[in-house]
N, C-alpha and C. Protein backbone atom coordinates (compact mmCIF):
# COMPACT_ATOMS: atom_id res chain seq x y z
N MET A 1 -116.52 -50.88 -3.67
CA MET A 1 -115.13 -51.30 -3.74
C MET A 1 -114.83 -52.20 -2.55
N ASP A 2 -114.26 -53.35 -2.81
CA ASP A 2 -113.95 -54.23 -1.69
C ASP A 2 -112.60 -53.84 -1.08
N GLY A 3 -112.26 -54.49 0.00
CA GLY A 3 -111.06 -54.12 0.76
C GLY A 3 -109.77 -54.27 -0.01
N GLN A 4 -109.65 -55.32 -0.81
CA GLN A 4 -108.41 -55.55 -1.53
C GLN A 4 -108.20 -54.50 -2.62
N LYS A 5 -109.25 -54.11 -3.31
CA LYS A 5 -109.13 -53.07 -4.34
C LYS A 5 -108.80 -51.72 -3.72
N LEU A 6 -109.40 -51.44 -2.58
CA LEU A 6 -109.11 -50.19 -1.88
C LEU A 6 -107.66 -50.15 -1.41
N PHE A 7 -107.17 -51.27 -0.89
CA PHE A 7 -105.77 -51.34 -0.45
C PHE A 7 -104.83 -51.13 -1.63
N ARG A 8 -105.12 -51.78 -2.76
CA ARG A 8 -104.26 -51.63 -3.94
C ARG A 8 -104.28 -50.20 -4.46
N ALA A 9 -105.44 -49.57 -4.44
CA ALA A 9 -105.54 -48.18 -4.89
C ALA A 9 -104.76 -47.24 -3.97
N ALA A 10 -104.88 -47.46 -2.67
CA ALA A 10 -104.16 -46.63 -1.71
C ALA A 10 -102.65 -46.84 -1.84
N THR A 11 -102.22 -48.07 -2.05
CA THR A 11 -100.80 -48.37 -2.22
C THR A 11 -100.27 -47.72 -3.50
N ALA A 12 -101.02 -47.82 -4.58
CA ALA A 12 -100.61 -47.20 -5.85
C ALA A 12 -100.53 -45.68 -5.70
N LEU A 13 -101.50 -45.09 -5.04
CA LEU A 13 -101.49 -43.65 -4.82
C LEU A 13 -100.29 -43.23 -3.98
N PHE A 14 -99.96 -43.99 -2.96
CA PHE A 14 -98.80 -43.70 -2.12
C PHE A 14 -97.52 -43.67 -2.95
N TRP A 15 -97.30 -44.71 -3.76
CA TRP A 15 -96.07 -44.78 -4.55
C TRP A 15 -96.03 -43.72 -5.63
N VAL A 16 -97.16 -43.38 -6.21
CA VAL A 16 -97.19 -42.29 -7.19
C VAL A 16 -96.79 -40.98 -6.53
N LEU A 17 -97.29 -40.73 -5.32
CA LEU A 17 -96.93 -39.51 -4.60
C LEU A 17 -95.45 -39.50 -4.22
N VAL A 18 -94.92 -40.64 -3.78
CA VAL A 18 -93.50 -40.72 -3.42
C VAL A 18 -92.64 -40.42 -4.64
N LEU A 19 -92.95 -41.05 -5.77
CA LEU A 19 -92.17 -40.82 -6.98
C LEU A 19 -92.31 -39.38 -7.49
N ALA A 20 -93.50 -38.81 -7.36
CA ALA A 20 -93.69 -37.42 -7.78
C ALA A 20 -92.88 -36.47 -6.91
N LEU A 21 -92.88 -36.67 -5.61
CA LEU A 21 -92.08 -35.82 -4.72
C LEU A 21 -90.59 -35.98 -4.98
N LEU A 22 -90.16 -37.20 -5.27
CA LEU A 22 -88.76 -37.43 -5.60
C LEU A 22 -88.38 -36.72 -6.89
N ALA A 23 -89.26 -36.76 -7.88
CA ALA A 23 -88.99 -36.08 -9.15
C ALA A 23 -88.94 -34.57 -8.96
N VAL A 24 -89.87 -34.02 -8.19
CA VAL A 24 -89.88 -32.58 -7.93
C VAL A 24 -88.61 -32.16 -7.18
N ASP A 25 -88.19 -32.95 -6.21
CA ASP A 25 -86.99 -32.64 -5.45
C ASP A 25 -85.76 -32.70 -6.34
N THR A 26 -85.68 -33.69 -7.22
CA THR A 26 -84.54 -33.83 -8.11
C THR A 26 -84.48 -32.68 -9.11
N LEU A 27 -85.62 -32.31 -9.67
CA LEU A 27 -85.64 -31.23 -10.64
C LEU A 27 -85.39 -29.87 -10.00
N ASP A 28 -85.75 -29.72 -8.74
CA ASP A 28 -85.58 -28.45 -8.05
C ASP A 28 -84.17 -28.24 -7.53
N SER A 29 -83.42 -29.32 -7.33
CA SER A 29 -82.07 -29.18 -6.80
C SER A 29 -81.15 -28.58 -7.85
N SER A 30 -80.18 -27.81 -7.41
CA SER A 30 -79.29 -27.10 -8.33
C SER A 30 -77.95 -27.81 -8.42
N GLY A 31 -77.93 -29.01 -8.89
CA GLY A 31 -76.68 -29.73 -9.06
C GLY A 31 -76.24 -30.48 -7.82
N VAL A 32 -75.01 -30.90 -7.84
CA VAL A 32 -74.46 -31.69 -6.75
C VAL A 32 -73.94 -30.76 -5.66
N ARG A 33 -74.37 -31.02 -4.43
CA ARG A 33 -73.88 -30.25 -3.29
C ARG A 33 -72.81 -31.06 -2.58
N VAL A 34 -71.74 -30.39 -2.22
CA VAL A 34 -70.67 -31.07 -1.50
C VAL A 34 -70.99 -30.99 -0.01
N GLU A 35 -71.28 -32.12 0.57
CA GLU A 35 -71.62 -32.19 1.99
C GLU A 35 -70.83 -33.32 2.62
N PRO A 36 -70.56 -33.22 3.90
CA PRO A 36 -69.88 -34.33 4.57
C PRO A 36 -70.81 -35.54 4.66
N PRO A 37 -70.25 -36.73 4.69
CA PRO A 37 -71.09 -37.91 4.83
C PRO A 37 -71.80 -37.93 6.18
N PRO A 38 -72.98 -38.53 6.27
CA PRO A 38 -73.70 -38.55 7.54
C PRO A 38 -72.98 -39.36 8.61
N ILE A 39 -72.25 -40.38 8.22
CA ILE A 39 -71.46 -41.18 9.16
C ILE A 39 -70.03 -41.16 8.67
N ALA A 40 -69.15 -40.50 9.41
CA ALA A 40 -67.76 -40.34 8.98
C ALA A 40 -66.85 -41.04 9.98
N LEU A 41 -66.96 -42.34 10.06
CA LEU A 41 -66.15 -43.09 11.01
C LEU A 41 -64.73 -43.24 10.49
N GLY A 42 -63.77 -42.67 11.20
CA GLY A 42 -62.37 -42.82 10.84
C GLY A 42 -61.96 -42.07 9.59
N SER A 43 -62.68 -41.05 9.22
CA SER A 43 -62.30 -40.30 8.03
C SER A 43 -61.74 -38.95 8.43
N GLY A 44 -60.45 -38.77 8.23
CA GLY A 44 -59.82 -37.49 8.51
C GLY A 44 -59.29 -37.40 9.92
N GLN A 45 -58.72 -36.24 10.18
CA GLN A 45 -58.13 -35.98 11.51
C GLN A 45 -59.21 -35.55 12.48
N MET A 46 -58.92 -35.79 13.76
CA MET A 46 -59.88 -35.36 14.76
C MET A 46 -59.82 -33.86 14.94
N ALA A 47 -60.88 -33.30 15.44
CA ALA A 47 -60.96 -31.85 15.63
C ALA A 47 -59.93 -31.39 16.63
N SER A 48 -59.53 -30.14 16.50
CA SER A 48 -58.50 -29.61 17.39
C SER A 48 -59.08 -29.10 18.70
N GLY A 49 -60.37 -28.96 18.81
CA GLY A 49 -60.98 -28.48 20.04
C GLY A 49 -62.38 -28.99 20.19
N GLY A 50 -62.96 -28.77 21.33
CA GLY A 50 -64.32 -29.22 21.56
C GLY A 50 -64.37 -30.50 22.37
N HIS A 51 -65.58 -30.91 22.71
CA HIS A 51 -65.74 -32.05 23.59
C HIS A 51 -65.39 -33.38 22.92
N CYS A 52 -65.36 -33.45 21.59
CA CYS A 52 -65.10 -34.71 20.93
C CYS A 52 -63.68 -34.84 20.42
N SER A 53 -62.82 -33.87 20.72
CA SER A 53 -61.47 -33.91 20.18
C SER A 53 -60.55 -34.83 20.97
N GLY A 54 -60.88 -35.10 22.20
CA GLY A 54 -60.02 -35.95 23.02
C GLY A 54 -58.80 -35.24 23.57
N ARG A 55 -58.76 -33.95 23.44
CA ARG A 55 -57.61 -33.18 23.94
C ARG A 55 -57.96 -32.44 25.19
């Protein structure tokens, strides 16, 4: 096997594994989970206590 064929095979295997893990994760999840967004800039009121409340 030459280098280009090996690279293509490794790339194809990588994407097959990524898609398989994504499918397993999607099928294993139990519906939509309500979670806060990872970046919540300017959404909602500031906290009433703690170091980030500004009080």
